Amino acid sequence: MGVRTYILLAADGRAYESTEPGAFGGHRRGRIYGRLDCPAALRAIERGGYVVHRVFFADEATALAAGYRPCGVCLRERYRSWKSGVSPNSLRTQGQGR
């Protein structure tokens, strides 16, 4: 039995294989990223159509660099900052992020 690999997106949007699963999930068409346990994403997955557009990121910085925005449900504070024009990266450097 071989090593399991996962397909993640890099900051440039290209897919690559990793032996580590992604820490964040995203929706390619909506360019949104969030936690893997996001209630909105889980509901969409239950309905079926979301899965074909699902992507994964090693970390939040990579999702942001790839041009994805924070989810308004599971990353509410980051989404509000993004919406108001404050970079979610600046929240992390100020100690307010997760």
C-alpha atoms as a PDB file:
ATOM      1  CA  MET A   1       0.000   0.000   0.000  1.00  0.00           C
ATOM      2  CA  GLY A   2       1.437   3.374  -1.065  1.00  0.00           C
ATOM      3  CA  VAL A   3       1.480   6.736   0.622  1.00  0.00           C
ATOM      4  CA  ARG A   4      -1.808   8.578   0.301  1.00  0.00           C
ATOM      5  CA  THR A   5      -1.573  11.871  -1.555  1.00  0.00           C
ATOM      6  CA  TYR A   6      -3.902  14.852  -1.685  1.00  0.00           C
ATOM      7  CA  ILE A   7      -4.376  17.424  -4.418  1.00  0.00           C
ATOM      8  CA  LEU A   8      -3.981  20.995  -3.126  1.00  0.00           C
ATOM      9  CA  LEU A   9      -3.856  24.388  -4.831  1.00  0.00           C
ATOM     10  CA  ALA A  10      -0.713  26.484  -4.638  1.00  0.00           C
ATOM     11  CA  ALA A  11      -0.639  30.282  -4.346  1.00  0.00           C
ATOM     12  CA  ASP A  12      -0.425  30.522  -8.141  1.00  0.00           C
ATOM     13  CA  GLY A  13      -3.620  28.450  -8.495  1.00  0.00           C
ATOM     14  CA  ARG A  14      -1.874  25.345  -9.802  1.00  0.00           C
ATOM     15  CA  ALA A  15      -2.706  21.928  -8.392  1.00  0.00           C
ATOM     16  CA  TYR A  16       0.005  19.860  -6.723  1.00  0.00           C
ATOM     17  CA  GLU A  17       0.221  16.600  -4.812  1.00  0.00           C
ATOM     18  CA  SER A  18       0.882  16.598  -1.084  1.00  0.00           C
ATOM     19  CA  THR A  19       1.207  13.886   1.536  1.00  0.00           C
ATOM     20  CA  GLU A  20      -0.563  16.261   3.948  1.00  0.00           C
ATOM     21  CA  PRO A  21      -4.293  17.011   3.584  1.00  0.00           C
ATOM     22  CA  GLY A  22      -5.406  20.588   3.149  1.00  0.00           C
ATOM     23  CA  ALA A  23      -6.210  22.692   6.219  1.00  0.00           C
ATOM     24  CA  PHE A  24      -8.801  24.801   4.350  1.00  0.00           C
ATOM     25  CA  GLY A  25     -11.339  24.005   1.660  1.00  0.00           C
ATOM     26  CA  GLY A  26     -12.622  26.244  -1.050  1.00  0.00           C
ATOM     27  CA  HIS A  27     -15.046  26.583  -3.925  1.00  0.00           C
ATOM     28  CA  ARG A  28     -13.299  27.178  -7.239  1.00  0.00           C
ATOM     29  CA  ARG A  29     -16.196  28.967  -8.963  1.00  0.00           C
ATOM     30  CA  GLY A  30     -17.014  31.233  -6.026  1.00  0.00           C
ATOM     31  CA  ARG A  31     -13.328  31.777  -5.108  1.00  0.00           C
ATOM     32  CA  ILE A  32     -14.244  31.343  -1.426  1.00  0.00           C
ATOM     33  CA  TYR A  33     -12.206  29.471   1.189  1.00  0.00           C
ATOM     34  CA  GLY A  34     -13.134  28.336   4.691  1.00  0.00           C
ATOM     35  CA  ARG A  35     -12.734  25.748   7.393  1.00  0.00           C
ATOM     36  CA  LEU A  36     -13.251  22.103   6.506  1.00  0.00           C
ATOM     37  CA  ASP A  37     -16.091  21.906   9.046  1.00  0.00           C
ATOM     38  CA  CYS A  38     -17.929  24.972   7.672  1.00  0.00           C
ATOM     39  CA  PRO A  39     -21.704  24.441   8.059  1.00  0.00           C
ATOM     40  CA  ALA A  40     -22.461  26.212   4.762  1.00  0.00           C
ATOM     41  CA  ALA A  41     -19.983  24.066   2.828  1.00  0.00           C
ATOM     42  CA  LEU A  42     -21.221  20.868   4.481  1.00  0.00           C
ATOM     43  CA  ARG A  43     -24.820  21.727   3.524  1.00  0.00           C
ATOM     44  CA  ALA A  44     -23.757  22.415  -0.059  1.00  0.00           C
ATOM     45  CA  ILE A  45     -21.844  19.132  -0.179  1.00  0.00           C
ATOM     46  CA  GLU A  46     -24.946  17.294   1.062  1.00  0.00           C
ATOM     47  CA  ARG A  47     -26.913  18.761  -1.862  1.00  0.00           C
ATOM     48  CA  GLY A  48     -24.287  17.369  -4.254  1.00  0.00           C
ATOM     49  CA  GLY A  49     -23.311  20.074  -6.737  1.00  0.00           C
ATOM     50  CA  TYR A  50     -20.553  21.687  -4.698  1.00  0.00           C
ATOM     51  CA  VAL A  51     -18.125  18.759  -4.734  1.00  0.00           C
ATOM     52  CA  VAL A  52     -17.014  19.089  -8.361  1.00  0.00           C
ATOM     53  CA  HIS A  53     -15.760  22.635  -7.647  1.00  0.00           C
ATOM     54  CA  ARG A  54     -14.118  21.856  -4.282  1.00  0.00           C
ATOM     55  CA  VAL A  55     -10.436  22.712  -3.827  1.00  0.00           C
ATOM     56  CA  PHE A  56      -8.079  22.487  -0.865  1.00  0.00           C
ATOM     57  CA  PHE A  57      -5.281  24.654   0.503  1.00  0.00           C
ATOM     58  CA  ALA A  58      -2.386  23.836   2.811  1.00  0.00           C
ATOM     59  CA  ASP A  59      -3.016  27.033   4.786  1.00  0.00           C
ATOM     60  CA  GLU A  60      -4.924  30.284   4.827  1.00  0.00           C
ATOM     61  CA  ALA A  61      -2.076  32.364   3.398  1.00  0.00           C
ATOM     62  CA  THR A  62      -2.034  30.167   0.293  1.00  0.00           C
ATOM     63  CA  ALA A  63      -5.796  30.525  -0.185  1.00  0.00           C
ATOM     64  CA  LEU A  64      -5.488  34.315   0.019  1.00  0.00           C
ATOM     65  CA  ALA A  65      -2.499  34.393  -2.326  1.00  0.00           C
ATOM     66  CA  ALA A  66      -4.471  32.302  -4.838  1.00  0.00           C
ATOM     67  CA  GLY A  67      -7.148  35.008  -4.868  1.00  0.00           C
ATOM     68  CA  TYR A  68      -9.806  33.375  -2.695  1.00  0.00           C
ATOM     69  CA  ARG A  69     -11.815  35.320  -0.123  1.00  0.00           C
ATOM     70  CA  PRO A  70     -12.799  34.224   3.404  1.00  0.00           C
ATOM     71  CA  CYS A  71     -16.163  32.509   3.950  1.00  0.00           C
ATOM     72  CA  GLY A  72     -18.816  34.716   5.529  1.00  0.00           C
ATOM     73  CA  VAL A  73     -20.132  31.814   7.624  1.00  0.00           C
ATOM     74  CA  CYS A  74     -17.171  30.014   9.200  1.00  0.00           C
ATOM     75  CA  LEU A  75     -14.658  32.884   9.004  1.00  0.00           C
ATOM     76  CA  ARG A  76     -17.058  35.699   9.791  1.00  0.00           C
ATOM     77  CA  GLU A  77     -14.537  38.185  11.239  1.00  0.00           C
ATOM     78  CA  ARG A  78     -12.069  37.613   8.423  1.00  0.00           C
ATOM     79  CA  TYR A  79     -14.900  38.010   5.900  1.00  0.00           C
ATOM     80  CA  ARG A  80     -15.981  41.306   7.488  1.00  0.00           C
ATOM     81  CA  SER A  81     -12.408  42.580   7.338  1.00  0.00           C
ATOM     82  CA  TRP A  82     -12.100  41.480   3.715  1.00  0.00           C
ATOM     83  CA  LYS A  83     -15.419  43.152   2.879  1.00  0.00           C
ATOM     84  CA  SER A  84     -14.268  46.405   4.487  1.00  0.00           C
ATOM     85  CA  GLY A  85     -10.974  46.294   2.591  1.00  0.00           C
ATOM     86  CA  VAL A  86      -8.718  45.182   5.453  1.00  0.00           C
ATOM     87  CA  SER A  87      -6.432  42.325   4.454  1.00  0.00           C
ATOM     88  CA  PRO A  88      -7.058  39.104   6.423  1.00  0.00           C
ATOM     89  CA  ASN A  89      -3.266  38.736   6.489  1.00  0.00           C
ATOM     90  CA  SER A  90      -3.015  41.890   8.592  1.00  0.00           C
ATOM     91  CA  LEU A  91      -5.358  40.368  11.176  1.00  0.00           C
ATOM     92  CA  ARG A  92      -3.057  37.371  11.531  1.00  0.00           C
ATOM     93  CA  THR A  93      -0.005  39.578  12.061  1.00  0.00           C
ATOM     94  CA  GLN A  94      -1.878  41.574  14.700  1.00  0.00           C
ATOM     95  CA  GLY A  95      -2.668  38.404  16.650  1.00  0.00           C
ATOM     96  CA  GLN A  96      -6.404  38.575  15.966  1.00  0.00           C
ATOM     97  CA  GLY A  97      -6.512  35.586  13.590  1.00  0.00           C
ATOM     98  CA  ARG A  98      -6.591  31.934  14.315  1.00  0.00           C
END
